[in-house]
Amino acid sequence: AVVSTQSTGSKHARHALVVTWAEKGAGIWYSGGTSGLKYTDPKQHKVDENVTVCDAFEVTNIVDSIGAGDTFTAGFIYGVVRLGVESLPECILRACKLASQKLQVHGLKLNSV
């Protein structure tokens, strides 16, 4: 997914590219650097000035993997709409959590967003 933002009164947009790595988690590359981003969980960490990652949640009993990627995408989009682009690390954290929950059930029965 590619996310583009532009602050009010700013001439420069900030772009982000979200990449998923299945059982390894997800990462975000930022064109404008990671300054000003919010980190709320130890699973989120800055790799360098332009990259943030979220480690995957451990899943011990995979029941059904069909739709896990779609669940990640839906959780990420929901997070961007609900929390805003300043919270992209939180968005991928929630998306990784939802995808891990999806792996543990048949079909789609999630507890929370």
PDB file of N, CA and C in Angstrom:
ATOM      1  N   ALA A   1       0.845  -1.175   0.000  1.00  0.00           N
ATOM      2  CA  ALA A   1       0.000   0.000   0.000  1.00  0.00           C
ATOM      3  C   ALA A   1       0.890   1.238   0.000  1.00  0.00           C
ATOM      4  N   VAL A   2       0.493   2.255  -0.685  1.00  0.00           N
ATOM      5  CA  VAL A   2       1.208   3.523  -0.692  1.00  0.00           C
ATOM      6  C   VAL A   2       0.293   4.574  -0.086  1.00  0.00           C
ATOM      7  N   VAL A   3       0.811   5.325   0.870  1.00  0.00           N
ATOM      8  CA  VAL A   3       0.054   6.369   1.547  1.00  0.00           C
ATOM      9  C   VAL A   3       0.752   7.688   1.272  1.00  0.00           C
ATOM     10  N   SER A   4       0.005   8.707   0.915  1.00  0.00           N
ATOM     11  CA  SER A   4       0.582  10.018   0.662  1.00  0.00           C
ATOM     12  C   SER A   4      -0.133  11.050   1.513  1.00  0.00           C
ATOM     13  N   THR A   5       0.637  11.898   2.172  1.00  0.00           N
ATOM     14  CA  THR A   5       0.041  12.925   3.024  1.00  0.00           C
ATOM     15  C   THR A   5       0.672  14.266   2.726  1.00  0.00           C
ATOM     16  N   GLN A   6      -0.044  15.303   3.025  1.00  0.00           N
ATOM     17  CA  GLN A   6       0.492  16.652   2.884  1.00  0.00           C
ATOM     18  C   GLN A   6      -0.127  17.522   3.959  1.00  0.00           C
ATOM     19  N   SER A   7       0.728  18.147   4.757  1.00  0.00           N
ATOM     20  CA  SER A   7       0.242  19.021   5.824  1.00  0.00           C
ATOM     21  C   SER A   7      -0.342  20.298   5.247  1.00  0.00           C
ATOM     22  N   THR A   8      -1.289  20.871   5.941  1.00  0.00           N
ATOM     23  CA  THR A   8      -1.886  22.130   5.526  1.00  0.00           C
ATOM     24  C   THR A   8      -0.806  23.200   5.447  1.00  0.00           C
ATOM     25  N   GLY A   9      -0.748  23.909   4.345  1.00  0.00           N
ATOM     26  CA  GLY A   9       0.229  24.976   4.170  1.00  0.00           C
ATOM     27  C   GLY A   9       1.594  24.486   3.726  1.00  0.00           C
ATOM     28  N   SER A  10       1.762  23.189   3.571  1.00  0.00           N
ATOM     29  CA  SER A  10       3.054  22.637   3.160  1.00  0.00           C
ATOM     30  C   SER A  10       3.053  22.392   1.657  1.00  0.00           C
ATOM     31  N   LYS A  11       4.204  22.604   1.041  1.00  0.00           N
ATOM     32  CA  LYS A  11       4.335  22.352  -0.397  1.00  0.00           C
ATOM     33  C   LYS A  11       4.807  20.930  -0.667  1.00  0.00           C
ATOM     34  N   HIS A  12       5.237  20.227   0.375  1.00  0.00           N
ATOM     35  CA  HIS A  12       5.827  18.910   0.175  1.00  0.00           C
ATOM     36  C   HIS A  12       4.952  17.820   0.788  1.00  0.00           C
ATOM     37  N   ALA A  13       4.693  16.807   0.000  1.00  0.00           N
ATOM     38  CA  ALA A  13       3.939  15.655   0.486  1.00  0.00           C
ATOM     39  C   ALA A  13       4.905  14.667   1.135  1.00  0.00           C
ATOM     40  N   ARG A  14       4.401  13.919   2.069  1.00  0.00           N
ATOM     41  CA  ARG A  14       5.160  12.849   2.711  1.00  0.00           C
ATOM     42  C   ARG A  14       4.551  11.535   2.231  1.00  0.00           C
ATOM     43  N   HIS A  15       5.373  10.665   1.690  1.00  0.00           N
ATOM     44  CA  HIS A  15       4.889   9.406   1.148  1.00  0.00           C
ATOM     45  C   HIS A  15       5.356   8.248   2.019  1.00  0.00           C
ATOM     46  N   ALA A  16       4.545   7.212   2.081  1.00  0.00           N
ATOM     47  CA  ALA A  16       4.908   6.014   2.832  1.00  0.00           C
ATOM     48  C   ALA A  16       4.551   4.785   2.009  1.00  0.00           C
ATOM     49  N   LEU A  17       5.397   3.789   2.067  1.00  0.00           N
ATOM     50  CA  LEU A  17       5.159   2.515   1.404  1.00  0.00           C
ATOM     51  C   LEU A  17       5.087   1.443   2.487  1.00  0.00           C
ATOM     52  N   VAL A  18       3.959   0.730   2.548  1.00  0.00           N
ATOM     53  CA  VAL A  18       3.768  -0.319   3.544  1.00  0.00           C
ATOM     54  C   VAL A  18       4.042  -1.666   2.886  1.00  0.00           C
ATOM     55  N   VAL A  19       4.888  -2.461   3.525  1.00  0.00           N
ATOM     56  CA  VAL A  19       5.268  -3.769   2.995  1.00  0.00           C
ATOM     57  C   VAL A  19       4.984  -4.818   4.057  1.00  0.00           C
ATOM     58  N   THR A  20       4.350  -5.920   3.661  1.00  0.00           N
ATOM     59  CA  THR A  20       4.099  -7.013   4.604  1.00  0.00           C
ATOM     60  C   THR A  20       5.076  -8.147   4.336  1.00  0.00           C
ATOM     61  N   TRP A  21       5.505  -8.808   5.422  1.00  0.00           N
ATOM     62  CA  TRP A  21       6.442  -9.925   5.321  1.00  0.00           C
ATOM     63  C   TRP A  21       5.865 -11.181   5.953  1.00  0.00           C
ATOM     64  N   ALA A  22       4.588 -11.408   5.801  1.00  0.00           N
ATOM     65  CA  ALA A  22       3.904 -12.602   6.325  1.00  0.00           C
ATOM     66  C   ALA A  22       4.259 -12.829   7.794  1.00  0.00           C
ATOM     67  N   GLU A  23       4.881 -13.957   8.108  1.00  0.00           N
ATOM     68  CA  GLU A  23       5.147 -14.297   9.507  1.00  0.00           C
ATOM     69  C   GLU A  23       6.205 -13.429  10.165  1.00  0.00           C
ATOM     70  N   LYS A  24       6.833 -12.531   9.427  1.00  0.00           N
ATOM     71  CA  LYS A  24       7.844 -11.646  10.019  1.00  0.00           C
ATOM     72  C   LYS A  24       7.262 -10.290  10.428  1.00  0.00           C
ATOM     73  N   GLY A  25       6.051  -9.956   9.992  1.00  0.00           N
ATOM     74  CA  GLY A  25       5.439  -8.679  10.368  1.00  0.00           C
ATOM     75  C   GLY A  25       5.269  -7.761   9.170  1.00  0.00           C
ATOM     76  N   ALA A  26       5.477  -6.464   9.383  1.00  0.00           N
ATOM     77  CA  ALA A  26       5.286  -5.475   8.326  1.00  0.00           C
ATOM     78  C   ALA A  26       6.229  -4.300   8.550  1.00  0.00           C
ATOM     79  N   GLY A  27       6.441  -3.533   7.508  1.00  0.00           N
ATOM     80  CA  GLY A  27       7.305  -2.370   7.611  1.00  0.00           C
ATOM     81  C   GLY A  27       6.768  -1.201   6.812  1.00  0.00           C
ATOM     82  N   ILE A  28       7.258  -0.016   7.157  1.00  0.00           N
ATOM     83  CA  ILE A  28       6.870   1.208   6.446  1.00  0.00           C
ATOM     84  C   ILE A  28       8.137   1.958   6.085  1.00  0.00           C
ATOM     85  N   TRP A  29       8.253   2.358   4.831  1.00  0.00           N
ATOM     86  CA  TRP A  29       9.341   3.224   4.376  1.00  0.00           C
ATOM     87  C   TRP A  29       8.743   4.614   4.159  1.00  0.00           C
ATOM     88  N   TYR A  30       9.386   5.631   4.716  1.00  0.00           N
ATOM     89  CA  TYR A  30       8.897   7.006   4.629  1.00  0.00           C
ATOM     90  C   TYR A  30       9.841   7.847   3.788  1.00  0.00           C
ATOM     91  N   SER A  31       9.280   8.637   2.887  1.00  0.00           N
ATOM     92  CA  SER A  31      10.117   9.524   2.075  1.00  0.00           C
ATOM     93  C   SER A  31      10.599  10.721   2.874  1.00  0.00           C
ATOM     94  N   GLY A  32       9.857  11.119   3.901  1.00  0.00           N
ATOM     95  CA  GLY A  32      10.215  12.312   4.667  1.00  0.00           C
ATOM     96  C   GLY A  32      10.815  12.015   6.020  1.00  0.00           C
ATOM     97  N   GLY A  33      11.219  10.783   6.281  1.00  0.00           N
ATOM     98  CA  GLY A  33      11.783  10.431   7.578  1.00  0.00           C
ATOM     99  C   GLY A  33      10.719  10.062   8.584  1.00  0.00           C
ATOM    100  N   THR A  34      11.151   9.531   9.708  1.00  0.00           N
ATOM    101  CA  THR A  34      10.228   9.011  10.721  1.00  0.00           C
ATOM    102  C   THR A  34       9.976   9.976  11.871  1.00  0.00           C
ATOM    103  N   SER A  35      10.511  11.167  11.802  1.00  0.00           N
ATOM    104  CA  SER A  35      10.315  12.107  12.913  1.00  0.00           C
ATOM    105  C   SER A  35       8.838  12.453  13.077  1.00  0.00           C
ATOM    106  N   GLY A  36       8.400  12.567  14.314  1.00  0.00           N
ATOM    107  CA  GLY A  36       7.020  12.934  14.614  1.00  0.00           C
ATOM    108  C   GLY A  36       6.057  11.767  14.655  1.00  0.00           C
ATOM    109  N   LEU A  37       6.525  10.544  14.387  1.00  0.00           N
ATOM    110  CA  LEU A  37       5.631   9.391  14.416  1.00  0.00           C
ATOM    111  C   LEU A  37       5.465   8.884  15.844  1.00  0.00           C
ATOM    112  N   LYS A  38       4.313   8.268  16.110  1.00  0.00           N
ATOM    113  CA  LYS A  38       4.003   7.766  17.448  1.00  0.00           C
ATOM    114  C   LYS A  38       4.263   6.266  17.520  1.00  0.00           C
ATOM    115  N   TYR A  39       4.999   5.834  18.544  1.00  0.00           N
ATOM    116  CA  TYR A  39       5.256   4.415  18.785  1.00  0.00           C
ATOM    117  C   TYR A  39       4.619   4.050  20.121  1.00  0.00           C
ATOM    118  N   THR A  40       3.707   3.062  20.126  1.00  0.00           N
ATOM    119  CA  THR A  40       2.952   2.753  21.338  1.00  0.00           C
ATOM    120  C   THR A  40       3.177   1.339  21.846  1.00  0.00           C
ATOM    121  N   ASP A  41       4.020   0.553  21.176  1.00  0.00           N
ATOM    122  CA  ASP A  41       4.175  -0.845  21.537  1.00  0.00           C
ATOM    123  C   ASP A  41       5.604  -1.300  21.246  1.00  0.00           C
ATOM    124  N   PRO A  42       6.158  -2.197  22.062  1.00  0.00           N
ATOM    125  CA  PRO A  42       7.527  -2.676  21.822  1.00  0.00           C
ATOM    126  C   PRO A  42       7.702  -3.399  20.490  1.00  0.00           C
ATOM    127  N   LYS A  43       6.596  -3.893  19.907  1.00  0.00           N
ATOM    128  CA  LYS A  43       6.704  -4.558  18.606  1.00  0.00           C
ATOM    129  C   LYS A  43       7.040  -3.566  17.491  1.00  0.00           C
ATOM    130  N   GLN A  44       6.800  -2.272  17.731  1.00  0.00           N
ATOM    131  CA  GLN A  44       7.093  -1.236  16.738  1.00  0.00           C
ATOM    132  C   GLN A  44       8.478  -0.679  17.023  1.00  0.00           C
ATOM    133  N   HIS A  45       9.300  -0.565  16.012  1.00  0.00           N
ATOM    134  CA  HIS A  45      10.593   0.062  16.229  1.00  0.00           C
ATOM    135  C   HIS A  45      11.134   0.656  14.936  1.00  0.00           C
ATOM    136  N   LYS A  46      11.911   1.693  15.119  1.00  0.00           N
ATOM    137  CA  LYS A  46      12.515   2.401  14.007  1.00  0.00           C
ATOM    138  C   LYS A  46      13.810   1.680  13.644  1.00  0.00           C
ATOM    139  N   VAL A  47      13.966   1.309  12.367  1.00  0.00           N
ATOM    140  CA  VAL A  47      15.167   0.634  11.906  1.00  0.00           C
ATOM    141  C   VAL A  47      16.229   1.665  11.536  1.00  0.00           C
ATOM    142  N   ASP A  48      15.804   2.683  10.827  1.00  0.00           N
ATOM    143  CA  ASP A  48      16.684   3.809  10.508  1.00  0.00           C
ATOM    144  C   ASP A  48      15.817   5.047  10.308  1.00  0.00           C
ATOM    145  N   GLU A  49      16.372   6.103   9.776  1.00  0.00           N
ATOM    146  CA  GLU A  49      15.654   7.370   9.660  1.00  0.00           C
ATOM    147  C   GLU A  49      14.415   7.290   8.775  1.00  0.00           C
ATOM    148  N   ASN A  50      14.349   6.300   7.881  1.00  0.00           N
ATOM    149  CA  ASN A  50      13.225   6.216   6.952  1.00  0.00           C
ATOM    150  C   ASN A  50      12.394   4.942   7.060  1.00  0.00           C
ATOM    151  N   VAL A  51      12.713   4.057   7.988  1.00  0.00           N
ATOM    152  CA  VAL A  51      12.022   2.766   8.047  1.00  0.00           C
ATOM    153  C   VAL A  51      11.556   2.451   9.467  1.00  0.00           C
ATOM    154  N   THR A  52      10.301   2.031   9.583  1.00  0.00           N
ATOM    155  CA  THR A  52       9.708   1.555  10.831  1.00  0.00           C
ATOM    156  C   THR A  52       9.191   0.144  10.570  1.00  0.00           C
ATOM    157  N   VAL A  53       9.358  -0.759  11.533  1.00  0.00           N
ATOM    158  CA  VAL A  53       8.815  -2.104  11.378  1.00  0.00           C
ATOM    159  C   VAL A  53       7.931  -2.455  12.565  1.00  0.00           C
ATOM    160  N   CYS A  54       7.069  -3.421  12.338  1.00  0.00           N
ATOM    161  CA  CYS A  54       6.247  -4.002  13.396  1.00  0.00           C
ATOM    162  C   CYS A  54       6.450  -5.505  13.318  1.00  0.00           C
ATOM    163  N   ASP A  55       6.973  -6.080  14.378  1.00  0.00           N
ATOM    164  CA  ASP A  55       7.174  -7.525  14.404  1.00  0.00           C
ATOM    165  C   ASP A  55       5.832  -8.241  14.414  1.00  0.00           C
ATOM    166  N   ALA A  56       5.821  -9.433  13.840  1.00  0.00           N
ATOM    167  CA  ALA A  56       4.592 -10.224  13.801  1.00  0.00           C
ATOM    168  C   ALA A  56       4.212 -10.696  15.198  1.00  0.00           C
ATOM    169  N   PHE A  57       2.938 -10.944  15.389  1.00  0.00           N
ATOM    170  CA  PHE A  57       2.443 -11.540  16.623  1.00  0.00           C
ATOM    171  C   PHE A  57       2.611 -13.056  16.511  1.00  0.00           C
ATOM    172  N   GLU A  58       2.995 -13.694  17.589  1.00  0.00           N
ATOM    173  CA  GLU A  58       3.189 -15.142  17.564  1.00  0.00           C
ATOM    174  C   GLU A  58       1.850 -15.854  17.461  1.00  0.00           C
ATOM    175  N   VAL A  59       1.781 -16.795  16.550  1.00  0.00           N
ATOM    176  CA  VAL A  59       0.584 -17.609  16.369  1.00  0.00           C
ATOM    177  C   VAL A  59       1.013 -19.064  16.511  1.00  0.00           C
ATOM    178  N   THR A  60       0.465 -19.754  17.487  1.00  0.00           N
ATOM    179  CA  THR A  60       0.869 -21.138  17.733  1.00  0.00           C
ATOM    180  C   THR A  60      -0.033 -22.153  17.040  1.00  0.00           C
ATOM    181  N   ASN A  61      -1.248 -21.745  16.675  1.00  0.00           N
ATOM    182  CA  ASN A  61      -2.186 -22.680  16.073  1.00  0.00           C
ATOM    183  C   ASN A  61      -2.838 -22.046  14.848  1.00  0.00           C
ATOM    184  N   ILE A  62      -2.230 -22.227  13.686  1.00  0.00           N
ATOM    185  CA  ILE A  62      -2.808 -21.683  12.452  1.00  0.00           C
ATOM    186  C   ILE A  62      -3.915 -22.621  11.988  1.00  0.00           C
ATOM    187  N   VAL A  63      -5.120 -22.062  11.886  1.00  0.00           N
ATOM    188  CA  VAL A  63      -6.298 -22.832  11.503  1.00  0.00           C
ATOM    189  C   VAL A  63      -6.658 -22.571  10.038  1.00  0.00           C
ATOM    190  N   ASP A  64      -6.576 -21.319   9.611  1.00  0.00           N
ATOM    191  CA  ASP A  64      -7.014 -20.942   8.267  1.00  0.00           C
ATOM    192  C   ASP A  64      -6.263 -19.685   7.842  1.00  0.00           C
ATOM    193  N   SER A  65      -5.424 -19.796   6.820  1.00  0.00           N
ATOM    194  CA  SER A  65      -4.647 -18.630   6.387  1.00  0.00           C
ATOM    195  C   SER A  65      -5.320 -17.835   5.272  1.00  0.00           C
ATOM    196  N   ILE A  66      -6.392 -18.375   4.699  1.00  0.00           N
ATOM    197  CA  ILE A  66      -7.066 -17.676   3.606  1.00  0.00           C
ATOM    198  C   ILE A  66      -7.678 -16.377   4.133  1.00  0.00           C
ATOM    199  N   GLY A  67      -7.313 -15.284   3.524  1.00  0.00           N
ATOM    200  CA  GLY A  67      -7.854 -13.985   3.905  1.00  0.00           C
ATOM    201  C   GLY A  67      -7.019 -13.216   4.911  1.00  0.00           C
ATOM    202  N   ALA A  68      -5.905 -13.782   5.379  1.00  0.00           N
ATOM    203  CA  ALA A  68      -5.084 -13.072   6.371  1.00  0.00           C
ATOM    204  C   ALA A  68      -4.501 -11.783   5.790  1.00  0.00           C
ATOM    205  N   GLY A  69      -4.069 -11.824   4.547  1.00  0.00           N
ATOM    206  CA  GLY A  69      -3.543 -10.612   3.906  1.00  0.00           C
ATOM    207  C   GLY A  69      -4.618  -9.562   3.714  1.00  0.00           C
ATOM    208  N   ASP A  70      -5.807 -10.003   3.325  1.00  0.00           N
ATOM    209  CA  ASP A  70      -6.932  -9.077   3.180  1.00  0.00           C
ATOM    210  C   ASP A  70      -7.305  -8.464   4.525  1.00  0.00           C
ATOM    211  N   THR A  71      -7.229  -9.273   5.575  1.00  0.00           N
ATOM    212  CA  THR A  71      -7.526  -8.778   6.925  1.00  0.00           C
ATOM    213  C   THR A  71      -6.507  -7.728   7.335  1.00  0.00           C
ATOM    214  N   PHE A  72      -5.217  -7.980   7.029  1.00  0.00           N
ATOM    215  CA  PHE A  72      -4.177  -6.988   7.311  1.00  0.00           C
ATOM    216  C   PHE A  72      -4.500  -5.675   6.596  1.00  0.00           C
ATOM    217  N   THR A  73      -4.810  -5.759   5.308  1.00  0.00           N
ATOM    218  CA  THR A  73      -5.098  -4.559   4.515  1.00  0.00           C
ATOM    219  C   THR A  73      -6.296  -3.803   5.074  1.00  0.00           C
ATOM    220  N   ALA A  74      -7.364  -4.522   5.398  1.00  0.00           N
ATOM    221  CA  ALA A  74      -8.555  -3.877   5.958  1.00  0.00           C
ATOM    222  C   ALA A  74      -8.234  -3.206   7.292  1.00  0.00           C
ATOM    223  N   GLY A  75      -7.469  -3.885   8.146  1.00  0.00           N
ATOM    224  CA  GLY A  75      -7.082  -3.297   9.429  1.00  0.00           C
ATOM    225  C   GLY A  75      -6.219  -2.065   9.265  1.00  0.00           C
ATOM    226  N   PHE A  76      -5.320  -2.097   8.283  1.00  0.00           N
ATOM    227  CA  PHE A  76      -4.461  -0.944   8.026  1.00  0.00           C
ATOM    228  C   PHE A  76      -5.283   0.253   7.534  1.00  0.00           C
ATOM    229  N   ILE A  77      -6.151   0.027   6.571  1.00  0.00           N
ATOM    230  CA  ILE A  77      -6.990   1.110   6.038  1.00  0.00           C
ATOM    231  C   ILE A  77      -7.880   1.681   7.136  1.00  0.00           C
ATOM    232  N   TYR A  78      -8.481   0.802   7.932  1.00  0.00           N
ATOM    233  CA  TYR A  78      -9.305   1.256   9.049  1.00  0.00           C
ATOM    234  C   TYR A  78      -8.487   2.152   9.986  1.00  0.00           C
ATOM    235  N   GLY A  79      -7.265   1.725  10.289  1.00  0.00           N
ATOM    236  CA  GLY A  79      -6.400   2.507  11.164  1.00  0.00           C
ATOM    237  C   GLY A  79      -6.076   3.877  10.606  1.00  0.00           C
ATOM    238  N   VAL A  80      -5.768   3.946   9.311  1.00  0.00           N
ATOM    239  CA  VAL A  80      -5.447   5.243   8.690  1.00  0.00           C
ATOM    240  C   VAL A  80      -6.647   6.174   8.753  1.00  0.00           C
ATOM    241  N   VAL A  81      -7.826   5.639   8.446  1.00  0.00           N
ATOM    242  CA  VAL A  81      -9.037   6.465   8.463  1.00  0.00           C
ATOM    243  C   VAL A  81      -9.372   6.903   9.885  1.00  0.00           C
ATOM    244  N   ARG A  82      -9.262   5.990  10.823  1.00  0.00           N
ATOM    245  CA  ARG A  82      -9.654   6.280  12.207  1.00  0.00           C
ATOM    246  C   ARG A  82      -8.601   7.083  12.981  1.00  0.00           C
ATOM    247  N   LEU A  83      -7.317   6.747  12.805  1.00  0.00           N
ATOM    248  CA  LEU A  83      -6.256   7.345  13.612  1.00  0.00           C
ATOM    249  C   LEU A  83      -5.482   8.441  12.903  1.00  0.00           C
ATOM    250  N   GLY A  84      -5.493   8.421  11.579  1.00  0.00           N
ATOM    251  CA  GLY A  84      -4.726   9.409  10.816  1.00  0.00           C
ATOM    252  C   GLY A  84      -3.335   8.903  10.485  1.00  0.00           C
ATOM    253  N   VAL A  85      -2.728   9.536   9.509  1.00  0.00           N
ATOM    254  CA  VAL A  85      -1.436   9.065   9.004  1.00  0.00           C
ATOM    255  C   VAL A  85      -0.284   9.301   9.976  1.00  0.00           C
ATOM    256  N   GLU A  86      -0.452  10.177  10.978  1.00  0.00           N
ATOM    257  CA  GLU A  86       0.603  10.373  11.965  1.00  0.00           C
ATOM    258  C   GLU A  86       0.811   9.096  12.773  1.00  0.00           C
ATOM    259  N   SER A  87      -0.185   8.231  12.784  1.00  0.00           N
ATOM    260  CA  SER A  87      -0.147   7.009  13.583  1.00  0.00           C
ATOM    261  C   SER A  87       0.075   5.762  12.725  1.00  0.00           C
ATOM    262  N   LEU A  88       0.825   5.873  11.641  1.00  0.00           N
ATOM    263  CA  LEU A  88       1.057   4.709  10.785  1.00  0.00           C
ATOM    264  C   LEU A  88       1.682   3.532  11.536  1.00  0.00           C
ATOM    265  N   PRO A  89       2.622   3.751  12.478  1.00  0.00           N
ATOM    266  CA  PRO A  89       3.118   2.603  13.237  1.00  0.00           C
ATOM    267  C   PRO A  89       1.994   1.881  13.994  1.00  0.00           C
ATOM    268  N   GLU A  90       1.053   2.631  14.552  1.00  0.00           N
ATOM    269  CA  GLU A  90      -0.092   2.038  15.244  1.00  0.00           C
ATOM    270  C   GLU A  90      -0.996   1.305  14.250  1.00  0.00           C
ATOM    271  N   CYS A  91      -1.121   1.849  13.039  1.00  0.00           N
ATOM    272  CA  CYS A  91      -1.954   1.213  12.008  1.00  0.00           C
ATOM    273  C   CYS A  91      -1.404  -0.148  11.620  1.00  0.00           C
ATOM    274  N   ILE A  92      -0.077  -0.262  11.427  1.00  0.00           N
ATOM    275  CA  ILE A  92       0.457  -1.576  11.060  1.00  0.00           C
ATOM    276  C   ILE A  92       0.457  -2.527  12.262  1.00  0.00           C
ATOM    277  N   LEU A  93       0.583  -1.985  13.467  1.00  0.00           N
ATOM    278  CA  LEU A  93       0.485  -2.825  14.661  1.00  0.00           C
ATOM    279  C   LEU A  93      -0.900  -3.467  14.727  1.00  0.00           C
ATOM    280  N   ARG A  94      -1.935  -2.670  14.574  1.00  0.00           N
ATOM    281  CA  ARG A  94      -3.308  -3.193  14.612  1.00  0.00           C
ATOM    282  C   ARG A  94      -3.562  -4.156  13.466  1.00  0.00           C
ATOM    283  N   ALA A  95      -3.036  -3.838  12.284  1.00  0.00           N
ATOM    284  CA  ALA A  95      -3.223  -4.707  11.125  1.00  0.00           C
ATOM    285  C   ALA A  95      -2.544  -6.059  11.344  1.00  0.00           C
ATOM    286  N   CYS A  96      -1.330  -6.054  11.895  1.00  0.00           N
ATOM    287  CA  CYS A  96      -0.634  -7.311  12.195  1.00  0.00           C
ATOM    288  C   CYS A  96      -1.402  -8.120  13.231  1.00  0.00           C
ATOM    289  N   LYS A  97      -1.947  -7.440  14.240  1.00  0.00           N
ATOM    290  CA  LYS A  97      -2.710  -8.125  15.287  1.00  0.00           C
ATOM    291  C   LYS A  97      -3.965  -8.780  14.701  1.00  0.00           C
ATOM    292  N   LEU A  98      -4.685  -8.037  13.853  1.00  0.00           N
ATOM    293  CA  LEU A  98      -5.895  -8.598  13.241  1.00  0.00           C
ATOM    294  C   LEU A  98      -5.571  -9.790  12.352  1.00  0.00           C
ATOM    295  N   ALA A  99      -4.507  -9.681  11.549  1.00  0.00           N
ATOM    296  CA  ALA A  99      -4.119 -10.794  10.671  1.00  0.00           C
ATOM    297  C   ALA A  99      -3.754 -12.029  11.490  1.00  0.00           C
ATOM    298  N   SER A 100      -3.082 -11.823  12.625  1.00  0.00           N
ATOM    299  CA  SER A 100      -2.722 -12.971  13.475  1.00  0.00           C
ATOM    300  C   SER A 100      -3.974 -13.614  14.081  1.00  0.00           C
ATOM    301  N   GLN A 101      -4.971 -12.795  14.426  1.00  0.00           N
ATOM    302  CA  GLN A 101      -6.232 -13.337  14.942  1.00  0.00           C
ATOM    303  C   GLN A 101      -6.947 -14.132  13.862  1.00  0.00           C
ATOM    304  N   LYS A 102      -6.918 -13.611  12.631  1.00  0.00           N
ATOM    305  CA  LYS A 102      -7.587 -14.286  11.514  1.00  0.00           C
ATOM    306  C   LYS A 102      -7.001 -15.671  11.287  1.00  0.00           C
ATOM    307  N   LEU A 103      -5.686 -15.822  11.441  1.00  0.00           N
ATOM    308  CA  LEU A 103      -5.035 -17.113  11.214  1.00  0.00           C
ATOM    309  C   LEU A 103      -5.532 -18.193  12.169  1.00  0.00           C
ATOM    310  N   GLN A 104      -6.097 -17.800  13.280  1.00  0.00           N
ATOM    311  CA  GLN A 104      -6.476 -18.747  14.333  1.00  0.00           C
ATOM    312  C   GLN A 104      -7.932 -19.180  14.308  1.00  0.00           C
ATOM    313  N   VAL A 105      -8.700 -18.721  13.287  1.00  0.00           N
ATOM    314  CA  VAL A 105     -10.122 -19.087  13.182  1.00  0.00           C
ATOM    315  C   VAL A 105     -10.463 -19.449  11.737  1.00  0.00           C
ATOM    316  N   HIS A 106     -11.496 -20.290  11.595  1.00  0.00           N
ATOM    317  CA  HIS A 106     -12.043 -20.549  10.269  1.00  0.00           C
ATOM    318  C   HIS A 106     -12.892 -19.357   9.864  1.00  0.00           C
ATOM    319  N   GLY A 107     -12.787 -18.920   8.638  1.00  0.00           N
ATOM    320  CA  GLY A 107     -13.574 -17.774   8.192  1.00  0.00           C
ATOM    321  C   GLY A 107     -13.073 -16.503   8.829  1.00  0.00           C
ATOM    322  N   LEU A 108     -13.983 -15.624   9.185  1.00  0.00           N
ATOM    323  CA  LEU A 108     -13.595 -14.341   9.769  1.00  0.00           C
ATOM    324  C   LEU A 108     -14.460 -14.066  10.993  1.00  0.00           C
ATOM    325  N   LYS A 109     -13.886 -14.253  12.163  1.00  0.00           N
ATOM    326  CA  LYS A 109     -14.553 -13.977  13.431  1.00  0.00           C
ATOM    327  C   LYS A 109     -13.535 -13.307  14.334  1.00  0.00           C
ATOM    328  N   LEU A 110     -13.465 -11.995  14.308  1.00  0.00           N
ATOM    329  CA  LEU A 110     -12.471 -11.284  15.085  1.00  0.00           C
ATOM    330  C   LEU A 110     -13.083 -10.668  16.327  1.00  0.00           C
ATOM    331  N   ASN A 111     -12.277 -10.561  17.393  1.00  0.00           N
ATOM    332  CA  ASN A 111     -12.758 -10.017  18.657  1.00  0.00           C
ATOM    333  C   ASN A 111     -12.856  -8.504  18.636  1.00  0.00           C
ATOM    334  N   SER A 112     -11.827  -7.821  18.119  1.00  0.00           N
ATOM    335  CA  SER A 112     -11.826  -6.364  18.164  1.00  0.00           C
ATOM    336  C   SER A 112     -10.861  -5.815  17.133  1.00  0.00           C
ATOM    337  N   VAL A 113     -10.967  -4.492  16.931  1.00  0.00           N
ATOM    338  CA  VAL A 113     -10.060  -3.824  15.986  1.00  0.00           C
ATOM    339  C   VAL A 113      -8.960  -3.214  16.745  1.00  0.00           C
TER     340      VAL A 113
END
